[in-house]
Amino acid sequence: MNLFTTVAYATGTAAPAGTEGSSVMSLATSVLPLVIIIVLFYVMLIRPQRKKEKETKAMINALKVGDKVVSIGGICGKVSKIKDNYVFIETGNIGTESEKSVIKLERDAIKNVEQKLSN
């Protein structure tokens, strides 16, 4: 036996009143910083990302023929046709028929709509 445990047995003191409450309090103080970090992580990172995804999805669903768009790869052009999940984009000099080309892209490849043209 150790000297300190012998002294503890010899004194015969019981645990002080309120020890159970202090253990709950120490648990709360140790878990509270973790909860705060998770809440801050959600507010600063996850929530804005979800908002941006919703805006991008709404923009892609609102595409119509005649919109000027930029793809993820940097291709600029005018939407000439939309079919299911594909967008056909006219590139090159839009006014000149001989230099015009049409590219087939998926809707998700559209980065943003530069300018909406009225038909």
Protein backbone atom coordinates (compact mmCIF):
# COMPACT_ATOMS: atom_id res chain seq x y z
CA MET A 1 0.00 0.00 0.00
CA ASN A 2 1.01 3.50 -0.70
CA LEU A 3 1.35 6.12 2.02
CA PHE A 4 -1.27 8.38 0.42
CA THR A 5 -3.89 5.64 0.12
CA THR A 6 -3.25 4.67 3.74
CA VAL A 7 -3.88 8.24 4.84
CA ALA A 8 -7.07 8.36 2.79
CA TYR A 9 -8.37 5.19 4.40
CA ALA A 10 -7.38 6.38 7.81
CA THR A 11 -9.23 9.65 7.57
CA GLY A 12 -12.41 7.91 6.47
CA THR A 13 -13.71 11.01 4.74
CA ALA A 14 -16.57 10.65 2.32
CA ALA A 15 -16.71 12.34 -1.02
CA PRO A 16 -17.74 15.96 -0.70
CA ALA A 17 -21.37 16.76 -1.43
CA GLY A 18 -22.05 17.90 -5.00
CA THR A 19 -19.36 15.76 -6.62
CA GLU A 20 -21.92 14.34 -9.08
CA GLY A 21 -22.91 17.83 -10.20
CA SER A 22 -19.31 18.86 -10.68
CA SER A 23 -18.63 15.83 -12.89
CA VAL A 24 -21.56 16.80 -15.10
CA MET A 25 -20.25 20.36 -15.18
CA SER A 26 -16.74 19.22 -16.12
CA LEU A 27 -18.21 17.04 -18.88
CA ALA A 28 -20.18 20.02 -20.21
CA THR A 29 -17.12 22.26 -20.17
CA SER A 30 -15.06 19.66 -22.02
CA VAL A 31 -17.72 19.03 -24.69
CA LEU A 32 -18.80 22.66 -25.13
CA PRO A 33 -15.74 23.76 -27.20
CA LEU A 34 -16.24 20.81 -29.56
CA VAL A 35 -19.90 21.73 -30.06
CA ILE A 36 -18.97 25.36 -30.71
CA ILE A 37 -16.37 24.33 -33.31
CA ILE A 38 -18.91 22.11 -35.11
CA VAL A 39 -21.51 24.90 -35.17
CA LEU A 40 -18.96 27.41 -36.51
CA PHE A 41 -17.82 24.91 -39.14
CA TYR A 42 -21.42 24.49 -40.30
CA VAL A 43 -22.18 28.22 -40.35
CA MET A 44 -18.96 29.27 -42.08
CA LEU A 45 -18.38 26.41 -44.56
CA ILE A 46 -21.27 24.03 -45.15
CA ARG A 47 -24.20 26.47 -45.24
CA PRO A 48 -22.68 28.91 -47.78
CA GLN A 49 -21.62 26.02 -50.02
CA ARG A 50 -25.16 24.60 -50.07
CA LYS A 51 -26.55 28.06 -50.85
CA LYS A 52 -24.13 28.44 -53.77
CA GLU A 53 -25.06 24.98 -55.10
CA LYS A 54 -28.77 25.89 -55.02
CA GLU A 55 -28.12 29.14 -56.91
CA THR A 56 -26.03 27.33 -59.54
CA LYS A 57 -28.68 24.64 -60.00
CA ALA A 58 -31.39 27.29 -60.40
CA MET A 59 -29.24 29.13 -62.97
CA ILE A 60 -28.67 25.93 -64.98
CA ASN A 61 -32.37 25.04 -64.89
CA ALA A 62 -33.27 28.57 -66.10
CA LEU A 63 -31.06 28.36 -69.21
CA LYS A 64 -32.81 29.16 -72.45
CA VAL A 65 -31.89 29.51 -76.11
CA GLY A 66 -30.06 32.76 -76.78
CA ASP A 67 -28.28 33.07 -73.42
CA LYS A 68 -24.57 33.86 -73.50
CA VAL A 69 -22.74 31.37 -71.28
CA VAL A 70 -19.26 30.41 -70.14
CA SER A 71 -18.39 26.76 -69.56
CA ILE A 72 -16.20 25.38 -66.80
CA GLY A 73 -13.40 25.03 -69.35
CA GLY A 74 -13.68 28.68 -70.35
CA ILE A 75 -15.57 28.23 -73.62
CA CYS A 76 -17.77 31.25 -74.33
CA GLY A 77 -20.74 31.14 -76.63
CA LYS A 78 -24.45 31.45 -77.18
CA VAL A 79 -26.93 28.67 -76.37
CA SER A 80 -28.40 27.47 -79.66
CA LYS A 81 -30.33 24.40 -78.50
CA ILE A 82 -31.16 22.61 -75.24
CA LYS A 83 -31.94 18.90 -75.27
CA ASP A 84 -32.39 16.87 -72.05
CA ASN A 85 -29.10 17.20 -70.12
CA TYR A 86 -27.18 18.71 -73.02
CA VAL A 87 -26.66 22.28 -74.15
CA PHE A 88 -25.51 23.11 -77.67
CA ILE A 89 -23.35 26.25 -77.76
CA GLU A 90 -22.45 28.29 -80.83
CA THR A 91 -18.87 29.56 -80.62
CA GLY A 92 -16.65 31.65 -82.85
CA ASN A 93 -17.87 34.79 -84.59
CA ILE A 94 -21.56 34.48 -84.02
CA GLY A 95 -22.39 36.86 -86.89
CA THR A 96 -20.30 34.95 -89.45
CA GLU A 97 -21.73 31.61 -90.57
CA SER A 98 -18.42 30.26 -91.94
CA GLU A 99 -16.56 30.63 -88.61
CA LYS A 100 -19.37 29.42 -86.38
CA SER A 101 -19.13 26.05 -84.67
CA VAL A 102 -21.49 24.21 -82.34
CA ILE A 103 -20.27 22.40 -79.23
CA LYS A 104 -22.32 19.90 -77.25
CA LEU A 105 -21.89 20.23 -73.46
CA GLU A 106 -23.64 18.80 -70.46
CA ARG A 107 -25.76 21.26 -68.49
CA ASP A 108 -23.53 20.83 -65.45
CA ALA A 109 -20.55 22.09 -67.49
CA ILE A 110 -22.01 25.62 -67.57
CA LYS A 111 -20.15 27.87 -65.12
CA ASN A 112 -22.25 31.00 -65.42
CA VAL A 113 -24.59 32.96 -67.64
CA GLU A 114 -22.88 36.15 -68.78
CA GLN A 115 -25.81 37.92 -70.34
CA LYS A 116 -29.40 36.98 -70.95
CA LEU A 117 -30.53 38.03 -74.40
CA SER A 118 -34.13 38.76 -75.12
CA ASN A 119 -35.66 36.95 -78.11
